[in-house]
Structure formats: structure tokens, C-alpha cells
């Protein structure tokens, strides 16, 4: 027998109990809950979603929550979805989180998925597209059919940093790179390199493997750069967290920022503007990017197709460089 028959109620009443609706009498709710417990009932959320056509839940896959950029993105997504009567399910794309995301997508726990850190090799992204689940990337791009994105013009940001260094006479220039699997980091590095290489200016990089993008990596990479390349007068760090680590490494060996070395990051996380850090950086329009990404996903859930979007970025000079 099914749950409705055992509880002596309609299928609609069972559905309301499962959805925690307040339109069910307390005694009836308890009777249904008792039957669910007695039968070890596990709701087939996929079947419910197929029947109701919508779960009103949106999934978002993130990683490296220690990077302040991603909590900021989550806060904005949560506020936007709540204002539209939607729920948010968050998966960490690293480790077992990838498997959880796959399960959620396959069971139709969500109407669509936002990806913030996926690459061309992301299993969860491939699976979402294979299931024709609406998927939108925020802050990343991938070359996969059916996937659209809202991202910043990372290449232009790298160009702006390089041109700023050249304009102000920096001539021994370092780069603390990131993984080229990430479209954001790859674009920043390519824009930066192309300007300097075209002008015949050497770029110094540390002789250590690229690690997880973090303050610790920035500190270690900066120390390695100083050890192998000697004096440099400017360094472009692939994001703000790496730049803050680089500034700590310079402080440790007695070098002053910006008197001895200029430091520039990318993203403009809140810590970059703190008076203690005053980090020159490239500002991404995070709120606009997330807002447009959510709008784009909701349209794709309604089967309205739109094109990917690339948003402009802005160089923000602060005290870690000497000129505005």
C-alpha cells in the first residue's frame, strides 16, 4: 500500500506534509508522519519534481570557501533566491561534495545549477548538461555545448595591470600565477603576459609548482620568487588572497610595499580595501555578475535561451602601488 492509503488521506495531503505546508491539520500531519516513520519511507524527490514540474530549489557548486570571494557570492545568491521564493542548496565541488552534487542533479533535487569554480573537466557540470538540467556558470567559462556563463573580462584586467606597470616605469616584473585549468586565472595571466611579451619585457615567475590559490601559496611563491630572481620592483598576483600572502612575505624579509616592491591583486575582495592592506587590485563587478547569473539561470529554467555575458573590470589603485 502507499502512504496515503495507510494514513487514510489523499495523495495531495501527503504531498503537503512532505513540503511542510501549513495547510494540514496538526493531527493529520502527525498521522502521516507516523506512517512515514513506520514504513521507513524515503521520498522520491525526482518523482515529485517530475509531477510538480518544479522543486523551487537552485543548486550552487562552489569550492575553496576559505577564499572570501565565494562566501560573498553565496550571500548574494541566497538573498536573490530568497526574494524570489527559491531555496538554495550548496555543494562543495571538491572531494565528496562533487558526488553529492551529482546525486542532487540526477535526482532533480534542483531546478537548475549555478557553477562558480568548474573547469572543462568538471564531472558535475558534464552530468548536469547531459541531463539537460539548466546550468549557468558564474565567474568561470567553459567550452562545452549548452553551457552559458556570466563572467568578468579577466583578460582585460591582466592587460590593465601590465600597462599600469609599464606606464610607471616598472622594469623587473614578477608574476605569481594560478592553475591554467581555471578560465579566470588563465585569462588574467594571458592578458598580462601578452602586453609585456609584446614590449620585450621579461616576466619573472617562482620556480615552485602552482598550489591551491591561498594566502599561504602567495607567501611561499613570493619567497621563492625573491630567492631565484633577486630584486623585482613589481609583482602581479593572480588574485587578492595570493597578493596578501605576497605582501606578508615581503614584510618578513624587510622589503617595503610600495617603496621597494609594488603589489597588485585581482578581485577586490573586502580585505583588499582594509586600511592595513590597501591593496591595488582589479575589481570584478561581483554583485552584477551574480545578479545577472541568477537571472540567466531562472530564464533557462523557463527554457528561455540567452547568450553568455562578459562584464567589464576596473583597475583600483591603492597604497600597495605608488601612483594612482
Protein backbone atom coordinates (compact mmCIF):
# COMPACT_ATOMS: atom_id res chain seq x y z
CA UNK A 1 0.00 0.00 0.00
CA UNK A 2 1.06 3.59 -0.49
CA UNK A 3 1.45 6.18 2.27
CA UNK A 4 -1.84 7.96 1.51
CA UNK A 5 -3.87 4.73 1.82
CA UNK A 6 -2.18 3.70 5.06
CA UNK A 7 -2.77 7.13 6.60
CA UNK A 8 -6.32 7.41 5.27
CA UNK A 9 -5.66 10.68 3.49
CA UNK A 10 -5.31 11.89 -0.07
CA UNK A 11 -2.08 11.95 -2.09
CA UNK A 12 -2.33 15.74 -2.03
CA UNK A 13 -2.30 15.74 1.78
CA UNK A 14 0.81 13.53 1.87
CA UNK A 15 2.45 15.89 -0.59
CA UNK A 16 1.62 18.88 1.63
CA UNK A 17 3.14 17.13 4.65
CA UNK A 18 6.33 16.37 2.70
CA UNK A 19 6.50 20.01 1.64
CA UNK A 20 5.94 21.13 5.27
CA UNK A 21 2.84 23.07 4.24
CA UNK A 22 0.85 24.83 6.98
CA UNK A 23 -2.41 23.82 5.27
CA UNK A 24 -2.53 20.43 7.03
CA UNK A 25 -4.32 19.87 10.36
CA UNK A 26 -1.79 19.01 13.10
CA UNK A 27 -3.45 15.66 13.87
CA UNK A 28 -3.44 14.70 10.20
CA UNK A 29 0.17 15.78 9.83
CA UNK A 30 1.20 13.64 12.80
CA UNK A 31 -0.68 10.62 11.43
CA UNK A 32 1.10 10.90 8.09
CA UNK A 33 4.48 11.40 9.79
CA UNK A 34 3.89 8.30 11.93
CA UNK A 35 3.19 6.22 8.83
CA UNK A 36 6.27 7.60 7.11
CA UNK A 37 8.38 6.63 10.10
CA UNK A 38 6.83 3.14 10.42
CA UNK A 39 7.44 2.36 6.75
CA UNK A 40 10.96 3.90 6.60
CA UNK A 41 9.65 5.97 3.72
CA UNK A 42 12.28 7.76 1.62
CA UNK A 43 10.61 10.30 -0.67
CA UNK A 44 11.46 10.04 -4.34
CA UNK A 45 12.21 13.70 -4.84
CA UNK A 46 12.85 13.15 -8.53
CA UNK A 47 9.31 11.77 -8.97
CA UNK A 48 7.88 14.66 -7.00
CA UNK A 49 9.78 17.14 -9.12
CA UNK A 50 8.56 15.47 -12.31
CA UNK A 51 4.96 15.58 -11.04
CA UNK A 52 5.06 19.16 -9.81
CA UNK A 53 7.42 20.25 -12.58
CA UNK A 54 9.43 22.41 -10.16
CA UNK A 55 11.30 21.93 -6.89
CA UNK A 56 11.82 25.69 -6.36
CA UNK A 57 15.38 24.84 -5.33
CA UNK A 58 18.57 26.06 -7.02
CA UNK A 59 21.89 24.29 -6.58
CA UNK A 60 25.20 26.08 -6.44
CA UNK A 61 28.56 24.31 -6.64
CA UNK A 62 31.49 26.08 -5.02
CA UNK A 63 34.92 25.22 -3.65
CA UNK A 64 37.63 26.80 -1.52
CA UNK A 65 35.21 28.54 0.85
CA UNK A 66 38.35 29.91 2.57
CA UNK A 67 38.60 32.34 -0.36
CA UNK A 68 36.45 35.33 0.73
CA UNK A 69 35.19 35.73 -2.84
CA UNK A 70 32.97 32.65 -2.61
CA UNK A 71 31.13 33.44 0.65
CA UNK A 72 30.41 36.84 -0.90
CA UNK A 73 28.94 35.14 -3.96
CA UNK A 74 26.87 32.80 -1.77
CA UNK A 75 25.46 35.68 0.27
CA UNK A 76 24.28 37.47 -2.87
CA UNK A 77 22.82 34.31 -4.42
CA UNK A 78 20.98 33.47 -1.19
CA UNK A 79 19.46 36.94 -0.93
CA UNK A 80 18.35 36.94 -4.57
CA UNK A 81 16.80 33.47 -4.41
CA UNK A 82 15.03 34.13 -1.11
CA UNK A 83 13.47 37.29 -2.57
CA UNK A 84 12.06 35.14 -5.38
CA UNK A 85 10.73 32.37 -3.18
CA UNK A 86 13.51 29.91 -4.07
CA UNK A 87 15.72 27.74 -1.89
CA UNK A 88 19.47 27.30 -2.25
CA UNK A 89 21.36 24.00 -1.96
CA UNK A 90 25.13 24.41 -1.66
CA UNK A 91 27.64 21.75 -2.69
CA UNK A 92 31.38 21.87 -2.23
CA UNK A 93 32.78 20.83 -5.59
CA UNK A 94 35.88 19.30 -4.03
CA UNK A 95 36.13 15.81 -2.53
CA UNK A 96 32.82 14.12 -1.66
CA UNK A 97 30.94 17.31 -2.50
CA UNK A 98 31.23 16.51 -6.19
CA UNK A 99 29.43 13.20 -5.62
CA UNK A 100 26.70 14.94 -3.62
CA UNK A 101 26.23 17.45 -6.40
CA UNK A 102 25.95 14.65 -8.96
CA UNK A 103 23.34 12.89 -6.84
CA UNK A 104 21.36 16.08 -6.40
CA UNK A 105 21.38 16.79 -10.11
CA UNK A 106 20.44 13.22 -11.06
CA UNK A 107 17.55 13.13 -8.56
CA UNK A 108 16.25 16.51 -9.72
CA UNK A 109 16.58 17.98 -6.26
CA UNK A 110 17.07 21.30 -8.02
CA UNK A 111 15.54 23.08 -10.99
CA UNK A 112 18.91 24.39 -12.13
CA UNK A 113 22.52 24.69 -11.08
CA UNK A 114 24.97 27.56 -10.70
CA UNK A 115 28.64 26.63 -11.04
CA UNK A 116 31.27 29.02 -9.71
CA UNK A 117 34.55 27.09 -9.96
CA UNK A 118 34.03 24.44 -12.65
CA UNK A 119 36.55 23.64 -15.39
CA UNK A 120 36.24 21.77 -18.68
CA UNK A 121 36.83 18.55 -16.73
CA UNK A 122 34.12 19.08 -14.08
CA UNK A 123 32.16 15.82 -13.78
CA UNK A 124 29.17 17.50 -12.12
CA UNK A 125 28.92 20.09 -14.90
CA UNK A 126 29.14 17.44 -17.62
CA UNK A 127 26.42 15.41 -15.89
CA UNK A 128 24.12 18.41 -15.46
CA UNK A 129 24.40 19.20 -19.17
CA UNK A 130 23.86 15.54 -20.12
CA UNK A 131 20.62 15.54 -18.10
CA UNK A 132 19.58 18.80 -19.77
CA UNK A 133 19.45 20.48 -16.37
CA UNK A 134 19.64 24.26 -16.78
CA UNK A 135 23.20 25.23 -15.85
CA UNK A 136 24.87 28.63 -15.68
CA UNK A 137 28.44 29.44 -14.76
CA UNK A 138 29.30 32.46 -12.64
CA UNK A 139 32.90 33.70 -12.60
CA UNK A 140 34.08 30.94 -14.94
CA UNK A 141 33.68 29.91 -18.55
CA UNK A 142 34.00 26.50 -20.18
CA UNK A 143 33.92 25.38 -23.79
CA UNK A 144 31.01 22.95 -23.52
CA UNK A 145 27.83 22.89 -25.64
CA UNK A 146 24.74 24.07 -23.79
CA UNK A 147 26.55 25.93 -21.01
CA UNK A 148 26.36 29.69 -20.70
CA UNK A 149 28.21 31.96 -18.31
CA UNK A 150 28.38 35.38 -16.73
CA UNK A 151 31.97 36.33 -16.07
CA UNK A 152 34.29 39.29 -15.84
CA UNK A 153 36.73 40.31 -18.56
CA UNK A 154 39.73 38.70 -16.86
CA UNK A 155 41.94 39.13 -19.93
CA UNK A 156 41.32 42.89 -19.94
CA UNK A 157 42.15 43.01 -16.24
CA UNK A 158 45.55 41.41 -16.85
CA UNK A 159 46.18 43.88 -19.67
CA UNK A 160 45.35 46.83 -17.41
CA UNK A 161 47.82 45.68 -14.76
CA UNK A 162 50.63 45.22 -17.29
CA UNK A 163 50.00 48.62 -18.87
CA UNK A 164 49.95 50.26 -15.43
CA UNK A 165 53.35 48.77 -14.56
CA UNK A 166 54.85 49.84 -17.89
CA UNK A 167 53.39 53.34 -17.70
CA UNK A 168 55.08 53.91 -14.35
CA UNK A 169 58.48 52.54 -15.27
CA UNK A 170 58.43 49.11 -13.62
CA UNK A 171 61.06 47.00 -15.37
CA UNK A 172 61.71 43.90 -13.21
CA UNK A 173 58.24 42.47 -13.05
CA UNK A 174 57.11 39.29 -11.35
CA UNK A 175 54.02 37.12 -11.74
CA UNK A 176 52.51 34.75 -9.18
CA UNK A 177 50.32 32.58 -11.44
CA UNK A 178 47.45 30.16 -10.79
CA UNK A 179 46.17 26.97 -12.37
CA UNK A 180 45.57 27.36 -16.08
CA UNK A 181 42.65 24.96 -15.82
CA UNK A 182 40.60 27.84 -14.38
CA UNK A 183 39.40 30.20 -17.11
CA UNK A 184 39.56 33.20 -14.77
CA UNK A 185 43.20 32.72 -13.82
CA UNK A 186 44.21 31.74 -17.34
CA UNK A 187 42.65 34.89 -18.80
CA UNK A 188 44.36 37.17 -16.28
CA UNK A 189 47.74 35.64 -16.91
CA UNK A 190 47.36 35.70 -20.71
CA UNK A 191 46.36 39.37 -20.78
CA UNK A 192 49.27 40.31 -18.51
CA UNK A 193 51.84 38.23 -20.41
CA UNK A 194 50.79 39.32 -23.88
CA UNK A 195 51.32 43.03 -23.16
CA UNK A 196 54.76 42.56 -21.61
CA UNK A 197 55.96 40.00 -24.14
CA UNK A 198 54.91 42.27 -26.99
CA UNK A 199 57.08 45.00 -25.46
CA UNK A 200 60.01 42.65 -24.90
CA UNK A 201 59.82 42.88 -21.11
CA UNK A 202 60.84 39.76 -19.18
CA UNK A 203 58.44 38.27 -16.63
CA UNK A 204 59.86 36.57 -13.56
CA UNK A 205 57.95 33.64 -12.04
CA UNK A 206 58.73 31.50 -8.96
CA UNK A 207 60.23 28.06 -9.53
CA UNK A 208 57.66 26.22 -7.40
CA UNK A 209 54.55 24.33 -8.56
CA UNK A 210 51.28 26.21 -8.59
CA UNK A 211 49.38 25.27 -5.43
CA UNK A 212 45.84 25.86 -4.20
CA UNK A 213 45.16 29.56 -4.51
CA UNK A 214 45.57 30.82 -0.95
CA UNK A 215 47.39 33.25 1.31
CA UNK A 216 49.94 30.53 2.06
CA UNK A 217 50.65 29.93 -1.63
CA UNK A 218 51.14 33.67 -2.16
CA UNK A 219 53.59 33.84 0.75
CA UNK A 220 55.59 30.80 -0.43
CA UNK A 221 55.57 31.82 -4.09
CA UNK A 222 56.77 35.34 -3.28
CA UNK A 223 59.59 33.96 -1.12
CA UNK A 224 60.63 31.63 -3.96
CA UNK A 225 60.49 34.48 -6.47
CA UNK A 226 62.80 36.63 -4.38
CA UNK A 227 65.18 33.73 -3.84
CA UNK A 228 65.58 32.84 -7.53
CA UNK A 229 65.15 36.19 -9.26
CA UNK A 230 66.74 38.64 -6.89
CA UNK A 231 65.36 42.14 -6.95
CA UNK A 232 62.00 42.86 -8.55
CA UNK A 233 60.12 46.14 -8.44
CA UNK A 234 56.56 44.95 -9.12
CA UNK A 235 54.54 41.75 -8.90
CA UNK A 236 51.13 40.82 -10.26
CA UNK A 237 49.36 38.21 -8.15
CA UNK A 238 46.62 36.10 -9.71
CA UNK A 239 44.11 37.08 -7.01
CA UNK A 240 43.87 39.19 -3.87
CA UNK A 241 44.41 36.34 -1.43
CA UNK A 242 47.70 35.48 -3.13
CA UNK A 243 48.65 39.17 -3.13
CA UNK A 244 48.09 39.46 0.62
CA UNK A 245 50.34 36.46 1.14
CA UNK A 246 52.98 38.05 -1.10
CA UNK A 247 52.86 41.25 0.95
CA UNK A 248 53.48 39.26 4.13
CA UNK A 249 56.47 37.52 2.52
CA UNK A 250 57.95 40.89 1.54
CA UNK A 251 57.43 42.25 5.03
CA UNK A 252 59.18 39.22 6.52
CA UNK A 253 62.41 39.92 4.59
CA UNK A 254 62.33 43.66 5.28
CA UNK A 255 61.13 44.86 1.87
CA UNK A 256 58.65 47.74 1.85
CA UNK A 257 55.43 47.99 -0.16
CA UNK A 258 55.34 50.07 -2.31
CA UNK A 259 58.74 51.73 -1.74
CA UNK A 260 60.66 48.60 -2.75
CA UNK A 261 58.09 46.42 -4.50
CA UNK A 262 54.66 47.18 -5.94
CA UNK A 263 51.98 44.53 -5.41
CA UNK A 264 48.73 44.15 -7.38
CA UNK A 265 45.98 41.57 -6.91
CA UNK A 266 42.70 40.73 -8.63
CA UNK A 267 39.03 40.52 -7.45
CA UNK A 268 38.81 43.40 -4.93
CA UNK A 269 37.64 41.30 -2.00
CA UNK A 270 36.71 43.33 1.09
CA UNK A 271 40.12 42.75 2.74
CA UNK A 272 41.85 44.47 -0.18
CA UNK A 273 40.35 47.82 0.84
CA UNK A 274 41.18 47.47 4.54
CA UNK A 275 43.46 50.31 5.57
CA UNK A 276 46.04 47.82 6.86
CA UNK A 277 46.36 46.24 3.41
CA UNK A 278 45.32 48.98 0.95
CA UNK A 279 45.90 46.59 -1.95
CA UNK A 280 45.83 47.81 -5.54
CA UNK A 281 43.70 45.37 -7.48
CA UNK A 282 41.37 44.74 -10.40
CA UNK A 283 37.74 44.99 -9.31
CA UNK A 284 35.25 42.45 -10.55
CA UNK A 285 31.59 43.59 -10.53
CA UNK A 286 30.66 40.68 -8.24
CA UNK A 287 27.11 41.75 -7.38
CA UNK A 288 26.23 42.47 -11.00
CA UNK A 289 27.82 39.22 -12.14
CA UNK A 290 25.86 37.15 -9.61
CA UNK A 291 22.60 39.01 -10.21
CA UNK A 292 22.83 38.51 -13.97
CA UNK A 293 23.85 34.86 -13.46
CA UNK A 294 20.80 34.14 -11.30
CA UNK A 295 18.52 35.94 -13.78
CA UNK A 296 20.03 33.96 -16.62
CA UNK A 297 19.53 30.65 -14.81
CA UNK A 298 15.89 31.39 -13.96
CA UNK A 299 15.27 32.19 -17.62
CA UNK A 300 16.91 28.96 -18.70
CA UNK A 301 14.71 27.06 -16.24
CA UNK A 302 11.79 28.59 -18.14
CA UNK A 303 13.53 27.42 -21.35
CA UNK A 304 14.38 30.94 -22.43
CA UNK A 305 17.80 30.88 -24.09
CA UNK A 306 20.21 33.77 -23.72
CA UNK A 307 23.86 34.32 -24.58
CA UNK A 308 26.86 34.34 -22.24
CA UNK A 309 27.89 37.71 -20.87
CA UNK A 310 31.28 39.26 -20.17
CA UNK A 311 31.36 42.21 -17.78
CA UNK A 312 33.99 44.98 -17.70
CA UNK A 313 36.52 45.23 -14.87
CA UNK A 314 38.25 48.25 -13.32
CA UNK A 315 41.76 48.77 -12.02
CA UNK A 316 41.68 50.16 -8.46
CA UNK A 317 44.96 51.79 -7.31
CA UNK A 318 45.69 51.86 -3.60
CA UNK A 319 48.77 52.21 -1.41
CA UNK A 320 50.43 48.94 -2.47
CA UNK A 321 51.46 50.84 -5.61
CA UNK A 322 52.81 54.37 -5.64
CA UNK A 323 50.74 56.04 -8.37
CA UNK A 324 47.03 56.48 -8.90
